[in-house]
Amino acid sequence: MTEQIFKSLPFAVTACDQDGIIIYMNEKSIATFVKNESESLIGKSLFECHGEKSAEKIRELLKTGSTNAYTIEKNGQKKMIYQCPWYKSGAIAGLVEISIVIPFEMEHFIR
């Protein structure tokens, strides 16, 4: 049921296990990151897809359970990236990354 909820969301959801192995990608994540339709990134290491600086950050997040949030501009789009741990039996089991296309100019409210 939960996988069905995430499957067709209009933003990318990617999850890895404690070793950085990709265990889930929703449709938007696949469309964003998979270059060849016959290829699958499930079972691949995040460390193969990232440079050393990013790999170091992934290791830190997996170790500490902290979150990482930032915006990027890529291919003419601005995106918010949010990376956080997911837990199993109270222990860090891996990371989830959500990548959402956002407007370049965006309202901000203080409530």
PDB file of N, CA and C in Angstrom:
ATOM      1  N   MET A   1       0.822  -1.195   0.000  1.00  0.00           N
ATOM      2  CA  MET A   1       0.000   0.000   0.000  1.00  0.00           C
ATOM      3  C   MET A   1       0.864   1.257   0.000  1.00  0.00           C
ATOM      4  N   THR A   2       1.858   1.338   0.890  1.00  0.00           N
ATOM      5  CA  THR A   2       2.703   2.525   0.973  1.00  0.00           C
ATOM      6  C   THR A   2       3.446   2.758  -0.338  1.00  0.00           C
ATOM      7  N   GLU A   3       3.967   1.706  -0.940  1.00  0.00           N
ATOM      8  CA  GLU A   3       4.681   1.840  -2.207  1.00  0.00           C
ATOM      9  C   GLU A   3       3.773   2.419  -3.283  1.00  0.00           C
ATOM     10  N   GLN A   4       2.503   2.033  -3.301  1.00  0.00           N
ATOM     11  CA  GLN A   4       1.541   2.566  -4.271  1.00  0.00           C
ATOM     12  C   GLN A   4       1.363   4.069  -4.087  1.00  0.00           C
ATOM     13  N   ILE A   5       1.372   4.531  -2.853  1.00  0.00           N
ATOM     14  CA  ILE A   5       1.209   5.960  -2.578  1.00  0.00           C
ATOM     15  C   ILE A   5       2.351   6.749  -3.210  1.00  0.00           C
ATOM     16  N   PHE A   6       3.567   6.278  -3.085  1.00  0.00           N
ATOM     17  CA  PHE A   6       4.736   6.996  -3.575  1.00  0.00           C
ATOM     18  C   PHE A   6       4.988   6.810  -5.067  1.00  0.00           C
ATOM     19  N   LYS A   7       4.482   5.740  -5.651  1.00  0.00           N
ATOM     20  CA  LYS A   7       4.804   5.340  -7.025  1.00  0.00           C
ATOM     21  C   LYS A   7       4.667   6.462  -8.040  1.00  0.00           C
ATOM     22  N   SER A   8       3.538   7.145  -8.077  1.00  0.00           N
ATOM     23  CA  SER A   8       3.294   8.113  -9.152  1.00  0.00           C
ATOM     24  C   SER A   8       3.286   9.570  -8.691  1.00  0.00           C
ATOM     25  N   LEU A   9       3.879   9.860  -7.547  1.00  0.00           N
ATOM     26  CA  LEU A   9       3.970  11.251  -7.096  1.00  0.00           C
ATOM     27  C   LEU A   9       4.753  12.076  -8.114  1.00  0.00           C
ATOM     28  N   PRO A  10       4.476  13.380  -8.208  1.00  0.00           N
ATOM     29  CA  PRO A  10       5.154  14.205  -9.209  1.00  0.00           C
ATOM     30  C   PRO A  10       6.551  14.679  -8.783  1.00  0.00           C
ATOM     31  N   PHE A  11       7.149  14.043  -7.795  1.00  0.00           N
ATOM     32  CA  PHE A  11       8.515  14.347  -7.392  1.00  0.00           C
ATOM     33  C   PHE A  11       9.255  13.044  -7.127  1.00  0.00           C
ATOM     34  N   ALA A  12      10.575  13.110  -7.227  1.00  0.00           N
ATOM     35  CA  ALA A  12      11.406  11.908  -7.118  1.00  0.00           C
ATOM     36  C   ALA A  12      11.593  11.485  -5.668  1.00  0.00           C
ATOM     37  N   VAL A  13      11.355  10.198  -5.405  1.00  0.00           N
ATOM     38  CA  VAL A  13      11.593   9.598  -4.097  1.00  0.00           C
ATOM     39  C   VAL A  13      12.535   8.412  -4.319  1.00  0.00           C
ATOM     40  N   THR A  14      13.691   8.475  -3.660  1.00  0.00           N
ATOM     41  CA  THR A  14      14.697   7.424  -3.785  1.00  0.00           C
ATOM     42  C   THR A  14      15.097   7.002  -2.378  1.00  0.00           C
ATOM     43  N   ALA A  15      15.242   5.706  -2.158  1.00  0.00           N
ATOM     44  CA  ALA A  15      15.646   5.214  -0.832  1.00  0.00           C
ATOM     45  C   ALA A  15      16.801   4.237  -0.977  1.00  0.00           C
ATOM     46  N   CYS A  16      17.683   4.274   0.030  1.00  0.00           N
ATOM     47  CA  CYS A  16      18.788   3.319   0.084  1.00  0.00           C
ATOM     48  C   CYS A  16      18.796   2.646   1.449  1.00  0.00           C
ATOM     49  N   ASP A  17      19.547   1.552   1.526  1.00  0.00           N
ATOM     50  CA  ASP A  17      19.701   0.869   2.809  1.00  0.00           C
ATOM     51  C   ASP A  17      20.920   1.426   3.544  1.00  0.00           C
ATOM     52  N   GLN A  18      21.266   0.837   4.666  1.00  0.00           N
ATOM     53  CA  GLN A  18      22.364   1.305   5.520  1.00  0.00           C
ATOM     54  C   GLN A  18      23.712   1.277   4.800  1.00  0.00           C
ATOM     55  N   ASP A  19      23.840   0.449   3.777  1.00  0.00           N
ATOM     56  CA  ASP A  19      25.099   0.354   3.027  1.00  0.00           C
ATOM     57  C   ASP A  19      25.125   1.271   1.808  1.00  0.00           C
ATOM     58  N   GLY A  20      24.070   2.066   1.618  1.00  0.00           N
ATOM     59  CA  GLY A  20      24.013   2.966   0.467  1.00  0.00           C
ATOM     60  C   GLY A  20      23.538   2.298  -0.805  1.00  0.00           C
ATOM     61  N   ILE A  21      22.943   1.118  -0.681  1.00  0.00           N
ATOM     62  CA  ILE A  21      22.422   0.398  -1.844  1.00  0.00           C
ATOM     63  C   ILE A  21      20.989   0.862  -2.106  1.00  0.00           C
ATOM     64  N   ILE A  22      20.707   1.258  -3.343  1.00  0.00           N
ATOM     65  CA  ILE A  22      19.372   1.746  -3.699  1.00  0.00           C
ATOM     66  C   ILE A  22      18.375   0.603  -3.601  1.00  0.00           C
ATOM     67  N   ILE A  23      17.310   0.818  -2.809  1.00  0.00           N
ATOM     68  CA  ILE A  23      16.296  -0.213  -2.623  1.00  0.00           C
ATOM     69  C   ILE A  23      14.928   0.194  -3.157  1.00  0.00           C
ATOM     70  N   TYR A  24      14.749   1.494  -3.461  1.00  0.00           N
ATOM     71  CA  TYR A  24      13.454   1.946  -3.980  1.00  0.00           C
ATOM     72  C   TYR A  24      13.628   3.213  -4.803  1.00  0.00           C
ATOM     73  N   MET A  25      12.915   3.271  -5.911  1.00  0.00           N
ATOM     74  CA  MET A  25      12.811   4.476  -6.728  1.00  0.00           C
ATOM     75  C   MET A  25      11.383   4.555  -7.239  1.00  0.00           C
ATOM     76  N   ASN A  26      10.731   5.713  -7.061  1.00  0.00           N
ATOM     77  CA  ASN A  26       9.406   5.848  -7.636  1.00  0.00           C
ATOM     78  C   ASN A  26       9.548   6.200  -9.131  1.00  0.00           C
ATOM     79  N   GLU A  27       8.424   6.330  -9.831  1.00  0.00           N
ATOM     80  CA  GLU A  27       8.461   6.570 -11.280  1.00  0.00           C
ATOM     81  C   GLU A  27       9.235   7.831 -11.635  1.00  0.00           C
ATOM     82  N   LYS A  28       9.037   8.916 -10.892  1.00  0.00           N
ATOM     83  CA  LYS A  28       9.727  10.178 -11.178  1.00  0.00           C
ATOM     84  C   LYS A  28      11.223  10.048 -10.938  1.00  0.00           C
ATOM     85  N   SER A  29      11.620   9.319  -9.907  1.00  0.00           N
ATOM     86  CA  SER A  29      13.033   9.088  -9.639  1.00  0.00           C
ATOM     87  C   SER A  29      13.676   8.315 -10.787  1.00  0.00           C
ATOM     88  N   ILE A  30      12.995   7.288 -11.252  1.00  0.00           N
ATOM     89  CA  ILE A  30      13.505   6.498 -12.382  1.00  0.00           C
ATOM     90  C   ILE A  30      13.647   7.385 -13.612  1.00  0.00           C
ATOM     91  N   ALA A  31      12.611   8.182 -13.907  1.00  0.00           N
ATOM     92  CA  ALA A  31      12.653   9.070 -15.077  1.00  0.00           C
ATOM     93  C   ALA A  31      13.775  10.100 -14.962  1.00  0.00           C
ATOM     94  N   THR A  32      14.084  10.523 -13.740  1.00  0.00           N
ATOM     95  CA  THR A  32      15.107  11.538 -13.510  1.00  0.00           C
ATOM     96  C   THR A  32      16.515  10.970 -13.597  1.00  0.00           C
ATOM     97  N   PHE A  33      16.738   9.798 -13.018  1.00  0.00           N
ATOM     98  CA  PHE A  33      18.098   9.299 -12.850  1.00  0.00           C
ATOM     99  C   PHE A  33      18.514   8.162 -13.770  1.00  0.00           C
ATOM    100  N   VAL A  34      17.577   7.412 -14.328  1.00  0.00           N
ATOM    101  CA  VAL A  34      17.934   6.279 -15.178  1.00  0.00           C
ATOM    102  C   VAL A  34      18.109   6.776 -16.608  1.00  0.00           C
ATOM    103  N   LYS A  35      19.277   6.557 -17.167  1.00  0.00           N
ATOM    104  CA  LYS A  35      19.598   7.042 -18.513  1.00  0.00           C
ATOM    105  C   LYS A  35      19.087   6.104 -19.614  1.00  0.00           C
ATOM    106  N   ASN A  36      19.096   4.813 -19.351  1.00  0.00           N
ATOM    107  CA  ASN A  36      18.722   3.801 -20.330  1.00  0.00           C
ATOM    108  C   ASN A  36      17.548   3.001 -19.777  1.00  0.00           C
ATOM    109  N   GLU A  37      16.449   2.948 -20.517  1.00  0.00           N
ATOM    110  CA  GLU A  37      15.231   2.292 -20.018  1.00  0.00           C
ATOM    111  C   GLU A  37      15.438   0.837 -19.600  1.00  0.00           C
ATOM    112  N   SER A  38      16.406   0.167 -20.189  1.00  0.00           N
ATOM    113  CA  SER A  38      16.633  -1.236 -19.837  1.00  0.00           C
ATOM    114  C   SER A  38      17.501  -1.372 -18.581  1.00  0.00           C
ATOM    115  N   GLU A  39      18.013  -0.263 -18.102  1.00  0.00           N
ATOM    116  CA  GLU A  39      18.876  -0.253 -16.923  1.00  0.00           C
ATOM    117  C   GLU A  39      18.025  -0.091 -15.654  1.00  0.00           C
ATOM    118  N   SER A  40      18.495  -0.645 -14.567  1.00  0.00           N
ATOM    119  CA  SER A  40      17.861  -0.437 -13.273  1.00  0.00           C
ATOM    120  C   SER A  40      18.937  -0.019 -12.292  1.00  0.00           C
ATOM    121  N   LEU A  41      18.613   0.970 -11.469  1.00  0.00           N
ATOM    122  CA  LEU A  41      19.560   1.389 -10.440  1.00  0.00           C
ATOM    123  C   LEU A  41      19.288   0.692  -9.108  1.00  0.00           C
ATOM    124  N   ILE A  42      18.161  -0.012  -9.019  1.00  0.00           N
ATOM    125  CA  ILE A  42      17.869  -0.786  -7.806  1.00  0.00           C
ATOM    126  C   ILE A  42      18.983  -1.818  -7.626  1.00  0.00           C
ATOM    127  N   GLY A  43      19.543  -1.856  -6.427  1.00  0.00           N
ATOM    128  CA  GLY A  43      20.643  -2.781  -6.149  1.00  0.00           C
ATOM    129  C   GLY A  43      22.019  -2.176  -6.386  1.00  0.00           C
ATOM    130  N   LYS A  44      22.065  -0.977  -6.952  1.00  0.00           N
ATOM    131  CA  LYS A  44      23.340  -0.295  -7.185  1.00  0.00           C
ATOM    132  C   LYS A  44      23.690   0.576  -5.974  1.00  0.00           C
ATOM    133  N   SER A  45      24.961   0.845  -5.827  1.00  0.00           N
ATOM    134  CA  SER A  45      25.441   1.669  -4.718  1.00  0.00           C
ATOM    135  C   SER A  45      25.343   3.149  -5.067  1.00  0.00           C
ATOM    136  N   LEU A  46      24.863   3.948  -4.118  1.00  0.00           N
ATOM    137  CA  LEU A  46      24.868   5.402  -4.298  1.00  0.00           C
ATOM    138  C   LEU A  46      26.285   5.924  -4.478  1.00  0.00           C
ATOM    139  N   PHE A  47      27.241   5.228  -3.908  1.00  0.00           N
ATOM    140  CA  PHE A  47      28.618   5.679  -3.968  1.00  0.00           C
ATOM    141  C   PHE A  47      29.201   5.572  -5.379  1.00  0.00           C
ATOM    142  N   GLU A  48      28.586   4.758  -6.244  1.00  0.00           N
ATOM    143  CA  GLU A  48      28.994   4.657  -7.645  1.00  0.00           C
ATOM    144  C   GLU A  48      28.455   5.829  -8.459  1.00  0.00           C
ATOM    145  N   CYS A  49      27.395   6.472  -7.954  1.00  0.00           N
ATOM    146  CA  CYS A  49      26.702   7.535  -8.695  1.00  0.00           C
ATOM    147  C   CYS A  49      27.103   8.931  -8.247  1.00  0.00           C
ATOM    148  N   HIS A  50      27.927   9.049  -7.208  1.00  0.00           N
ATOM    149  CA  HIS A  50      28.247  10.354  -6.637  1.00  0.00           C
ATOM    150  C   HIS A  50      29.756  10.556  -6.532  1.00  0.00           C
ATOM    151  N   GLY A  51      30.154  11.819  -6.557  1.00  0.00           N
ATOM    152  CA  GLY A  51      31.552  12.173  -6.343  1.00  0.00           C
ATOM    153  C   GLY A  51      31.925  12.004  -4.880  1.00  0.00           C
ATOM    154  N   GLU A  52      33.187  12.200  -4.578  1.00  0.00           N
ATOM    155  CA  GLU A  52      33.688  11.956  -3.220  1.00  0.00           C
ATOM    156  C   GLU A  52      33.050  12.872  -2.183  1.00  0.00           C
ATOM    157  N   LYS A  53      32.851  14.141  -2.514  1.00  0.00           N
ATOM    158  CA  LYS A  53      32.245  15.073  -1.557  1.00  0.00           C
ATOM    159  C   LYS A  53      30.825  14.629  -1.199  1.00  0.00           C
ATOM    160  N   SER A  54      30.046  14.248  -2.205  1.00  0.00           N
ATOM    161  CA  SER A  54      28.679  13.771  -1.960  1.00  0.00           C
ATOM    162  C   SER A  54      28.691  12.445  -1.210  1.00  0.00           C
ATOM    163  N   ALA A  55      29.609  11.560  -1.574  1.00  0.00           N
ATOM    164  CA  ALA A  55      29.713  10.264  -0.895  1.00  0.00           C
ATOM    165  C   ALA A  55      30.034  10.451   0.583  1.00  0.00           C
ATOM    166  N   GLU A  56      30.894  11.409   0.873  1.00  0.00           N
ATOM    167  CA  GLU A  56      31.238  11.713   2.271  1.00  0.00           C
ATOM    168  C   GLU A  56      29.989  12.179   3.035  1.00  0.00           C
ATOM    169  N   LYS A  57      29.171  13.023   2.395  1.00  0.00           N
ATOM    170  CA  LYS A  57      27.942  13.520   3.018  1.00  0.00           C
ATOM    171  C   LYS A  57      26.972  12.368   3.262  1.00  0.00           C
ATOM    172  N   ILE A  58      26.835  11.462   2.311  1.00  0.00           N
ATOM    173  CA  ILE A  58      25.951  10.302   2.461  1.00  0.00           C
ATOM    174  C   ILE A  58      26.408   9.456   3.654  1.00  0.00           C
ATOM    175  N   ARG A  59      27.700   9.204   3.747  1.00  0.00           N
ATOM    176  CA  ARG A  59      28.235   8.421   4.876  1.00  0.00           C
ATOM    177  C   ARG A  59      27.925   9.110   6.214  1.00  0.00           C
ATOM    178  N   GLU A  60      28.079  10.431   6.237  1.00  0.00           N
ATOM    179  CA  GLU A  60      27.787  11.193   7.459  1.00  0.00           C
ATOM    180  C   GLU A  60      26.315  11.062   7.845  1.00  0.00           C
ATOM    181  N   LEU A  61      25.419  11.213   6.870  1.00  0.00           N
ATOM    182  CA  LEU A  61      23.985  11.101   7.153  1.00  0.00           C
ATOM    183  C   LEU A  61      23.628   9.706   7.660  1.00  0.00           C
ATOM    184  N   LEU A  62      24.217   8.683   7.047  1.00  0.00           N
ATOM    185  CA  LEU A  62      23.953   7.304   7.479  1.00  0.00           C
ATOM    186  C   LEU A  62      24.478   7.044   8.892  1.00  0.00           C
ATOM    187  N   LYS A  63      25.573   7.680   9.237  1.00  0.00           N
ATOM    188  CA  LYS A  63      26.173   7.476  10.558  1.00  0.00           C
ATOM    189  C   LYS A  63      25.446   8.263  11.648  1.00  0.00           C
ATOM    190  N   THR A  64      25.111   9.519  11.359  1.00  0.00           N
ATOM    191  CA  THR A  64      24.582  10.412  12.392  1.00  0.00           C
ATOM    192  C   THR A  64      23.054  10.482  12.444  1.00  0.00           C
ATOM    193  N   GLY A  65      22.404  10.147  11.339  1.00  0.00           N
ATOM    194  CA  GLY A  65      20.949  10.272  11.292  1.00  0.00           C
ATOM    195  C   GLY A  65      20.489  11.706  11.091  1.00  0.00           C
ATOM    196  N   SER A  66      21.399  12.578  10.705  1.00  0.00           N
ATOM    197  CA  SER A  66      21.016  13.969  10.470  1.00  0.00           C
ATOM    198  C   SER A  66      20.340  14.109   9.104  1.00  0.00           C
ATOM    199  N   THR A  67      19.781  15.283   8.849  1.00  0.00           N
ATOM    200  CA  THR A  67      19.138  15.552   7.566  1.00  0.00           C
ATOM    201  C   THR A  67      19.987  16.547   6.778  1.00  0.00           C
ATOM    202  N   ASN A  68      19.749  16.584   5.479  1.00  0.00           N
ATOM    203  CA  ASN A  68      20.457  17.485   4.580  1.00  0.00           C
ATOM    204  C   ASN A  68      19.429  18.052   3.618  1.00  0.00           C
ATOM    205  N   ALA A  69      19.279  19.373   3.597  1.00  0.00           N
ATOM    206  CA  ALA A  69      18.309  20.015   2.713  1.00  0.00           C
ATOM    207  C   ALA A  69      18.977  21.184   2.004  1.00  0.00           C
ATOM    208  N   TYR A  70      18.734  21.285   0.702  1.00  0.00           N
ATOM    209  CA  TYR A  70      19.333  22.360  -0.090  1.00  0.00           C
ATOM    210  C   TYR A  70      18.569  22.500  -1.398  1.00  0.00           C
ATOM    211  N   THR A  71      18.865  23.565  -2.140  1.00  0.00           N
ATOM    212  CA  THR A  71      18.288  23.724  -3.468  1.00  0.00           C
ATOM    213  C   THR A  71      19.411  23.676  -4.496  1.00  0.00           C
ATOM    214  N   ILE A  72      19.042  23.258  -5.712  1.00  0.00           N
ATOM    215  CA  ILE A  72      19.982  23.220  -6.824  1.00  0.00           C
ATOM    216  C   ILE A  72      19.290  23.781  -8.066  1.00  0.00           C
ATOM    217  N   GLU A  73      20.089  24.166  -9.033  1.00  0.00           N
ATOM    218  CA  GLU A  73      19.570  24.502 -10.357  1.00  0.00           C
ATOM    219  C   GLU A  73      20.267  23.579 -11.339  1.00  0.00           C
ATOM    220  N   LYS A  74      19.465  22.851 -12.118  1.00  0.00           N
ATOM    221  CA  LYS A  74      20.010  21.876 -13.055  1.00  0.00           C
ATOM    222  C   LYS A  74      19.052  21.753 -14.232  1.00  0.00           C
ATOM    223  N   ASN A  75      19.590  21.767 -15.430  1.00  0.00           N
ATOM    224  CA  ASN A  75      18.793  21.631 -16.652  1.00  0.00           C
ATOM    225  C   ASN A  75      17.628  22.619 -16.700  1.00  0.00           C
ATOM    226  N   GLY A  76      17.880  23.852 -16.264  1.00  0.00           N
ATOM    227  CA  GLY A  76      16.867  24.893 -16.325  1.00  0.00           C
ATOM    228  C   GLY A  76      15.771  24.796 -15.283  1.00  0.00           C
ATOM    229  N   GLN A  77      15.957  23.914 -14.298  1.00  0.00           N
ATOM    230  CA  GLN A  77      14.960  23.757 -13.238  1.00  0.00           C
ATOM    231  C   GLN A  77      15.614  23.996 -11.882  1.00  0.00           C
ATOM    232  N   LYS A  78      14.842  24.558 -10.966  1.00  0.00           N
ATOM    233  CA  LYS A  78      15.284  24.702  -9.585  1.00  0.00           C
ATOM    234  C   LYS A  78      14.628  23.579  -8.796  1.00  0.00           C
ATOM    235  N   LYS A  79      15.417  22.905  -7.976  1.00  0.00           N
ATOM    236  CA  LYS A  79      14.897  21.781  -7.191  1.00  0.00           C
ATOM    237  C   LYS A  79      15.277  21.927  -5.730  1.00  0.00           C
ATOM    238  N   MET A  80      14.382  21.458  -4.884  1.00  0.00           N
ATOM    239  CA  MET A  80      14.702  21.318  -3.474  1.00  0.00           C
ATOM    240  C   MET A  80      15.031  19.846  -3.244  1.00  0.00           C
ATOM    241  N   ILE A  81      16.150  19.602  -2.610  1.00  0.00           N
ATOM    242  CA  ILE A  81      16.583  18.243  -2.277  1.00  0.00           C
ATOM    243  C   ILE A  81      16.502  18.104  -0.765  1.00  0.00           C
ATOM    244  N   TYR A  82      15.851  17.037  -0.314  1.00  0.00           N
ATOM    245  CA  TYR A  82      15.734  16.777   1.126  1.00  0.00           C
ATOM    246  C   TYR A  82      16.133  15.325   1.360  1.00  0.00           C
ATOM    247  N   GLN A  83      17.175  15.135   2.154  1.00  0.00           N
ATOM    248  CA  GLN A  83      17.686  13.801   2.465  1.00  0.00           C
ATOM    249  C   GLN A  83      17.581  13.570   3.964  1.00  0.00           C
ATOM    250  N   CYS A  84      17.018  12.424   4.334  1.00  0.00           N
ATOM    251  CA  CYS A  84      16.852  12.121   5.757  1.00  0.00           C
ATOM    252  C   CYS A  84      16.903  10.611   5.973  1.00  0.00           C
ATOM    253  N   PRO A  85      17.181  10.207   7.206  1.00  0.00           N
ATOM    254  CA  PRO A  85      17.221   8.770   7.491  1.00  0.00           C
ATOM    255  C   PRO A  85      15.819   8.173   7.576  1.00  0.00           C
ATOM    256  N   TRP A  86      15.740   6.882   7.322  1.00  0.00           N
ATOM    257  CA  TRP A  86      14.542   6.122   7.672  1.00  0.00           C
ATOM    258  C   TRP A  86      15.000   5.067   8.676  1.00  0.00           C
ATOM    259  N   TYR A  87      14.073   4.637   9.498  1.00  0.00           N
ATOM    260  CA  TYR A  87      14.423   3.785  10.635  1.00  0.00           C
ATOM    261  C   TYR A  87      13.685   2.457  10.604  1.00  0.00           C
ATOM    262  N   LYS A  88      14.330   1.452  11.153  1.00  0.00           N
ATOM    263  CA  LYS A  88      13.719   0.139  11.354  1.00  0.00           C
ATOM    264  C   LYS A  88      14.110  -0.313  12.757  1.00  0.00           C
ATOM    265  N   SER A  89      13.111  -0.624  13.574  1.00  0.00           N
ATOM    266  CA  SER A  89      13.340  -1.032  14.967  1.00  0.00           C
ATOM    267  C   SER A  89      14.190  -0.014  15.721  1.00  0.00           C
ATOM    268  N   GLY A  90      13.990   1.268  15.437  1.00  0.00           N
ATOM    269  CA  GLY A  90      14.677   2.329  16.150  1.00  0.00           C
ATOM    270  C   GLY A  90      16.087   2.639  15.677  1.00  0.00           C
ATOM    271  N   ALA A  91      16.590   1.893  14.699  1.00  0.00           N
ATOM    272  CA  ALA A  91      17.950   2.119  14.202  1.00  0.00           C
ATOM    273  C   ALA A  91      17.893   2.665  12.773  1.00  0.00           C
ATOM    274  N   ILE A  92      18.894   3.459  12.414  1.00  0.00           N
ATOM    275  CA  ILE A  92      18.965   3.981  11.046  1.00  0.00           C
ATOM    276  C   ILE A  92      19.070   2.803  10.088  1.00  0.00           C
ATOM    277  N   ALA A  93      18.137   2.739   9.140  1.00  0.00           N
ATOM    278  CA  ALA A  93      18.110   1.639   8.183  1.00  0.00           C
ATOM    279  C   ALA A  93      18.556   2.081   6.793  1.00  0.00           C
ATOM    280  N   GLY A  94      18.653   3.403   6.589  1.00  0.00           N
ATOM    281  CA  GLY A  94      19.059   3.926   5.288  1.00  0.00           C
ATOM    282  C   GLY A  94      18.640   5.376   5.169  1.00  0.00           C
ATOM    283  N   LEU A  95      18.620   5.860   3.941  1.00  0.00           N
ATOM    284  CA  LEU A  95      18.249   7.246   3.660  1.00  0.00           C
ATOM    285  C   LEU A  95      17.134   7.304   2.635  1.00  0.00           C
ATOM    286  N   VAL A  96      16.360   8.379   2.711  1.00  0.00           N
ATOM    287  CA  VAL A  96      15.371   8.714   1.690  1.00  0.00           C
ATOM    288  C   VAL A  96      15.744  10.080   1.151  1.00  0.00           C
ATOM    289  N   GLU A  97      15.701  10.210  -0.172  1.00  0.00           N
ATOM    290  CA  GLU A  97      15.913  11.516  -0.801  1.00  0.00           C
ATOM    291  C   GLU A  97      14.658  11.878  -1.574  1.00  0.00           C
ATOM    292  N   ILE A  98      14.193  13.103  -1.352  1.00  0.00           N
ATOM    293  CA  ILE A  98      13.058  13.645  -2.091  1.00  0.00           C
ATOM    294  C   ILE A  98      13.584  14.824  -2.901  1.00  0.00           C
ATOM    295  N   SER A  99      13.294  14.821  -4.195  1.00  0.00           N
ATOM    296  CA  SER A  99      13.727  15.888  -5.092  1.00  0.00           C
ATOM    297  C   SER A  99      12.484  16.483  -5.742  1.00  0.00           C
ATOM    298  N   ILE A 100      12.222  17.770  -5.443  1.00  0.00           N
ATOM    299  CA  ILE A 100      11.001  18.426  -5.897  1.00  0.00           C
ATOM    300  C   ILE A 100      11.366  19.635  -6.746  1.00  0.00           C
ATOM    301  N   VAL A 101      10.817  19.716  -7.964  1.00  0.00           N
ATOM    302  CA  VAL A 101      10.988  20.906  -8.777  1.00  0.00           C
ATOM    303  C   VAL A 101      10.170  22.023  -8.138  1.00  0.00           C
ATOM    304  N   ILE A 102      10.823  23.172  -7.928  1.00  0.00           N
ATOM    305  CA  ILE A 102      10.151  24.324  -7.319  1.00  0.00           C
ATOM    306  C   ILE A 102      10.319  25.540  -8.228  1.00  0.00           C
ATOM    307  N   PRO A 103       9.433  26.522  -8.091  1.00  0.00           N
ATOM    308  CA  PRO A 103       9.574  27.740  -8.900  1.00  0.00           C
ATOM    309  C   PRO A 103      10.836  28.515  -8.508  1.00  0.00           C
ATOM    310  N   PHE A 104      11.411  29.255  -9.473  1.00  0.00           N
ATOM    311  CA  PHE A 104      12.574  30.091  -9.163  1.00  0.00           C
ATOM    312  C   PHE A 104      12.200  31.171  -8.159  1.00  0.00           C
ATOM    313  N   GLU A 105      11.030  31.735  -8.318  1.00  0.00           N
ATOM    314  CA  GLU A 105      10.505  32.704  -7.360  1.00  0.00           C
ATOM    315  C   GLU A 105       9.372  32.012  -6.619  1.00  0.00           C
ATOM    316  N   MET A 106       9.482  31.986  -5.314  1.00  0.00           N
ATOM    317  CA  MET A 106       8.518  31.228  -4.528  1.00  0.00           C
ATOM    318  C   MET A 106       8.116  32.041  -3.311  1.00  0.00           C
ATOM    319  N   GLU A 107       6.830  32.083  -3.047  1.00  0.00           N
ATOM    320  CA  GLU A 107       6.355  32.796  -1.877  1.00  0.00           C
ATOM    321  C   GLU A 107       6.854  32.124  -0.603  1.00  0.00           C
ATOM    322  N   HIS A 108       7.087  32.941   0.399  1.00  0.00           N
ATOM    323  CA  HIS A 108       7.500  32.441   1.710  1.00  0.00           C
ATOM    324  C   HIS A 108       6.605  33.103   2.753  1.00  0.00           C
ATOM    325  N   PHE A 109       6.027  32.314   3.613  1.00  0.00           N
ATOM    326  CA  PHE A 109       5.100  32.829   4.625  1.00  0.00           C
ATOM    327  C   PHE A 109       5.667  32.551   6.017  1.00  0.00           C
ATOM    328  N   ILE A 110       5.467  33.483   6.915  1.00  0.00           N
ATOM    329  CA  ILE A 110       5.801  33.284   8.327  1.00  0.00           C
ATOM    330  C   ILE A 110       4.472  33.182   9.061  1.00  0.00           C
ATOM    331  N   ARG A 111       4.261  32.047   9.695  1.00  0.00           N
ATOM    332  CA  ARG A 111       2.973  31.819  10.350  1.00  0.00           C
ATOM    333  C   ARG A 111       3.161  31.535  11.823  1.00  0.00           C
TER     334      ARG A 111
END
